[in-house]
Amino acid sequence: MKKNLAALMLGATAAWTVTSATAGEIEDVNARLEVLERQNAAIRKENAALRARTSSCAKKIRG
């Protein structure tokens, strides 16, 4: 019973926190998300280039 009550209170607190976020906070989060998405895209691009380079080197070694 105590665990259920604690979970309910935690959920209610989280819901209240989300709904009480200001417009400025939401803009900050969205801006940060945009930055992270760009960084993630750059990392994926770099990984693909490294995979291609590694694959090319492996083919040269194998002959």
N, C-alpha and C. Protein backbone atom coordinates (compact mmCIF):
# COMPACT_ATOMS: atom_id res chain seq x y z
N MET A 1 0.82 -1.19 0.00
CA MET A 1 0.00 0.00 0.00
C MET A 1 0.87 1.27 0.00
N LYS A 2 1.95 1.26 0.81
CA LYS A 2 2.81 2.43 0.88
C LYS A 2 3.52 2.66 -0.45
N LYS A 3 3.91 1.56 -1.13
CA LYS A 3 4.58 1.70 -2.42
C LYS A 3 3.64 2.31 -3.45
N ASN A 4 2.37 1.86 -3.44
CA ASN A 4 1.39 2.40 -4.39
C ASN A 4 1.15 3.88 -4.14
N LEU A 5 1.08 4.26 -2.87
CA LEU A 5 0.86 5.65 -2.52
C LEU A 5 2.06 6.50 -2.93
N ALA A 6 3.26 5.97 -2.68
CA ALA A 6 4.47 6.69 -3.06
C ALA A 6 4.54 6.87 -4.57
N ALA A 7 4.21 5.82 -5.31
CA ALA A 7 4.22 5.90 -6.77
C ALA A 7 3.19 6.91 -7.27
N LEU A 8 2.03 6.91 -6.66
CA LEU A 8 0.98 7.86 -7.04
C LEU A 8 1.42 9.29 -6.77
N MET A 9 2.04 9.51 -5.62
CA MET A 9 2.50 10.85 -5.27
C MET A 9 3.62 11.30 -6.21
N LEU A 10 4.52 10.38 -6.54
CA LEU A 10 5.61 10.70 -7.44
C LEU A 10 5.06 11.05 -8.83
N GLY A 11 4.10 10.28 -9.29
CA GLY A 11 3.48 10.55 -10.59
C GLY A 11 2.76 11.89 -10.60
N ALA A 12 2.07 12.19 -9.52
CA ALA A 12 1.36 13.46 -9.43
C ALA A 12 2.34 14.63 -9.40
N THR A 13 3.42 14.45 -8.69
CA THR A 13 4.45 15.50 -8.62
C THR A 13 5.06 15.73 -9.99
N ALA A 14 5.37 14.64 -10.70
CA ALA A 14 5.94 14.77 -12.04
C ALA A 14 4.97 15.47 -12.98
N ALA A 15 3.71 15.10 -12.92
CA ALA A 15 2.70 15.72 -13.78
C ALA A 15 2.57 17.21 -13.46
N TRP A 16 2.59 17.55 -12.19
CA TRP A 16 2.49 18.95 -11.78
C TRP A 16 3.70 19.73 -12.27
N THR A 17 4.88 19.13 -12.17
CA THR A 17 6.12 19.79 -12.59
C THR A 17 6.08 20.07 -14.09
N VAL A 18 5.62 19.10 -14.86
CA VAL A 18 5.56 19.27 -16.32
C VAL A 18 4.58 20.38 -16.69
N THR A 19 3.43 20.40 -16.05
CA THR A 19 2.43 21.39 -16.41
C THR A 19 2.78 22.78 -15.90
N SER A 20 3.70 22.87 -14.94
CA SER A 20 4.04 24.18 -14.41
C SER A 20 5.27 24.78 -15.09
N ALA A 21 5.81 24.11 -16.10
CA ALA A 21 6.97 24.65 -16.82
C ALA A 21 6.56 25.92 -17.54
N THR A 22 7.41 26.91 -17.48
CA THR A 22 7.11 28.17 -18.15
C THR A 22 7.44 28.07 -19.63
N ALA A 23 6.95 29.03 -20.39
CA ALA A 23 7.22 29.05 -21.82
C ALA A 23 8.72 29.17 -22.07
N GLY A 24 9.40 29.95 -21.25
CA GLY A 24 10.85 30.11 -21.39
C GLY A 24 11.59 28.82 -21.17
N GLU A 25 11.15 28.06 -20.18
CA GLU A 25 11.78 26.76 -19.90
C GLU A 25 11.57 25.80 -21.05
N ILE A 26 10.38 25.81 -21.60
CA ILE A 26 10.08 24.93 -22.73
C ILE A 26 10.93 25.32 -23.93
N GLU A 27 11.10 26.62 -24.16
CA GLU A 27 11.94 27.08 -25.27
C GLU A 27 13.39 26.64 -25.05
N ASP A 28 13.87 26.74 -23.80
CA ASP A 28 15.23 26.31 -23.48
C ASP A 28 15.41 24.82 -23.76
N VAL A 29 14.44 24.03 -23.36
CA VAL A 29 14.52 22.58 -23.58
C VAL A 29 14.50 22.28 -25.07
N ASN A 30 13.63 22.95 -25.80
CA ASN A 30 13.57 22.73 -27.25
C ASN A 30 14.86 23.14 -27.94
N ALA A 31 15.46 24.24 -27.50
CA ALA A 31 16.73 24.68 -28.08
C ALA A 31 17.82 23.66 -27.79
N ARG A 32 17.87 23.16 -26.57
CA ARG A 32 18.87 22.15 -26.20
C ARG A 32 18.66 20.88 -27.02
N LEU A 33 17.39 20.49 -27.20
CA LEU A 33 17.08 19.30 -28.00
C LEU A 33 17.57 19.48 -29.43
N GLU A 34 17.38 20.67 -29.98
CA GLU A 34 17.84 20.94 -31.34
C GLU A 34 19.35 20.78 -31.45
N VAL A 35 20.07 21.32 -30.48
CA VAL A 35 21.53 21.20 -30.47
C VAL A 35 21.94 19.74 -30.40
N LEU A 36 21.31 18.98 -29.51
CA LEU A 36 21.64 17.56 -29.36
C LEU A 36 21.33 16.77 -30.62
N GLU A 37 20.24 17.11 -31.29
CA GLU A 37 19.89 16.41 -32.53
C GLU A 37 20.92 16.70 -33.62
N ARG A 38 21.39 17.95 -33.71
CA ARG A 38 22.43 18.29 -34.69
C ARG A 38 23.73 17.56 -34.37
N GLN A 39 24.09 17.52 -33.10
CA GLN A 39 25.31 16.81 -32.70
C GLN A 39 25.20 15.32 -33.00
N ASN A 40 24.02 14.76 -32.74
CA ASN A 40 23.80 13.34 -33.02
C ASN A 40 23.92 13.06 -34.51
N ALA A 41 23.36 13.93 -35.33
CA ALA A 41 23.45 13.75 -36.78
C ALA A 41 24.91 13.82 -37.24
N ALA A 42 25.67 14.74 -36.67
CA ALA A 42 27.08 14.87 -37.04
C ALA A 42 27.86 13.62 -36.63
N ILE A 43 27.58 13.10 -35.46
CA ILE A 43 28.25 11.88 -34.98
C ILE A 43 27.90 10.69 -35.87
N ARG A 44 26.63 10.58 -36.24
CA ARG A 44 26.24 9.48 -37.14
C ARG A 44 26.95 9.59 -38.48
N LYS A 45 27.07 10.81 -38.99
CA LYS A 45 27.75 11.02 -40.27
C LYS A 45 29.23 10.63 -40.15
N GLU A 46 29.84 11.04 -39.06
CA GLU A 46 31.25 10.70 -38.84
C GLU A 46 31.43 9.19 -38.69
N ASN A 47 30.52 8.54 -37.96
CA ASN A 47 30.59 7.08 -37.80
C ASN A 47 30.48 6.37 -39.15
N ALA A 48 29.58 6.84 -39.99
CA ALA A 48 29.41 6.23 -41.31
C ALA A 48 30.69 6.39 -42.13
N ALA A 49 31.30 7.57 -42.06
CA ALA A 49 32.55 7.81 -42.80
C ALA A 49 33.66 6.91 -42.28
N LEU A 50 33.74 6.76 -40.97
CA LEU A 50 34.77 5.90 -40.39
C LEU A 50 34.54 4.44 -40.77
N ARG A 51 33.28 4.00 -40.78
CA ARG A 51 32.97 2.63 -41.18
C ARG A 51 33.39 2.40 -42.62
N ALA A 52 33.08 3.36 -43.48
CA ALA A 52 33.43 3.23 -44.90
C ALA A 52 34.95 3.17 -45.06
N ARG A 53 35.65 4.02 -44.33
CA ARG A 53 37.11 4.03 -44.40
C ARG A 53 37.71 2.73 -43.89
N THR A 54 37.17 2.24 -42.79
CA THR A 54 37.65 0.98 -42.21
C THR A 54 37.40 -0.17 -43.18
N SER A 55 36.23 -0.16 -43.78
CA SER A 55 35.89 -1.21 -44.74
C SER A 55 36.82 -1.18 -45.94
N SER A 56 37.12 0.03 -46.40
CA SER A 56 38.01 0.20 -47.54
C SER A 56 39.42 -0.30 -47.21
N CYS A 57 39.90 0.03 -46.02
CA CYS A 57 41.23 -0.43 -45.59
C CYS A 57 41.28 -1.95 -45.45
N ALA A 58 40.21 -2.53 -44.94
CA ALA A 58 40.16 -3.99 -44.76
C ALA A 58 40.22 -4.67 -46.12
N LYS A 59 39.55 -4.11 -47.12
CA LYS A 59 39.57 -4.71 -48.46
C LYS A 59 40.98 -4.64 -49.06
N LYS A 60 41.69 -3.55 -48.81
CA LYS A 60 43.05 -3.42 -49.32
C LYS A 60 43.97 -4.43 -48.67
N ILE A 61 43.77 -4.65 -47.37
CA ILE A 61 44.62 -5.61 -46.64
C ILE A 61 44.37 -7.03 -47.15
N ARG A 62 43.10 -7.36 -47.36
CA ARG A 62 42.76 -8.70 -47.84
C ARG A 62 43.23 -8.93 -49.26
N GLY A 63 43.43 -7.86 -49.97
CA GLY A 63 43.98 -8.00 -51.32
C GLY A 63 42.97 -7.98 -52.36
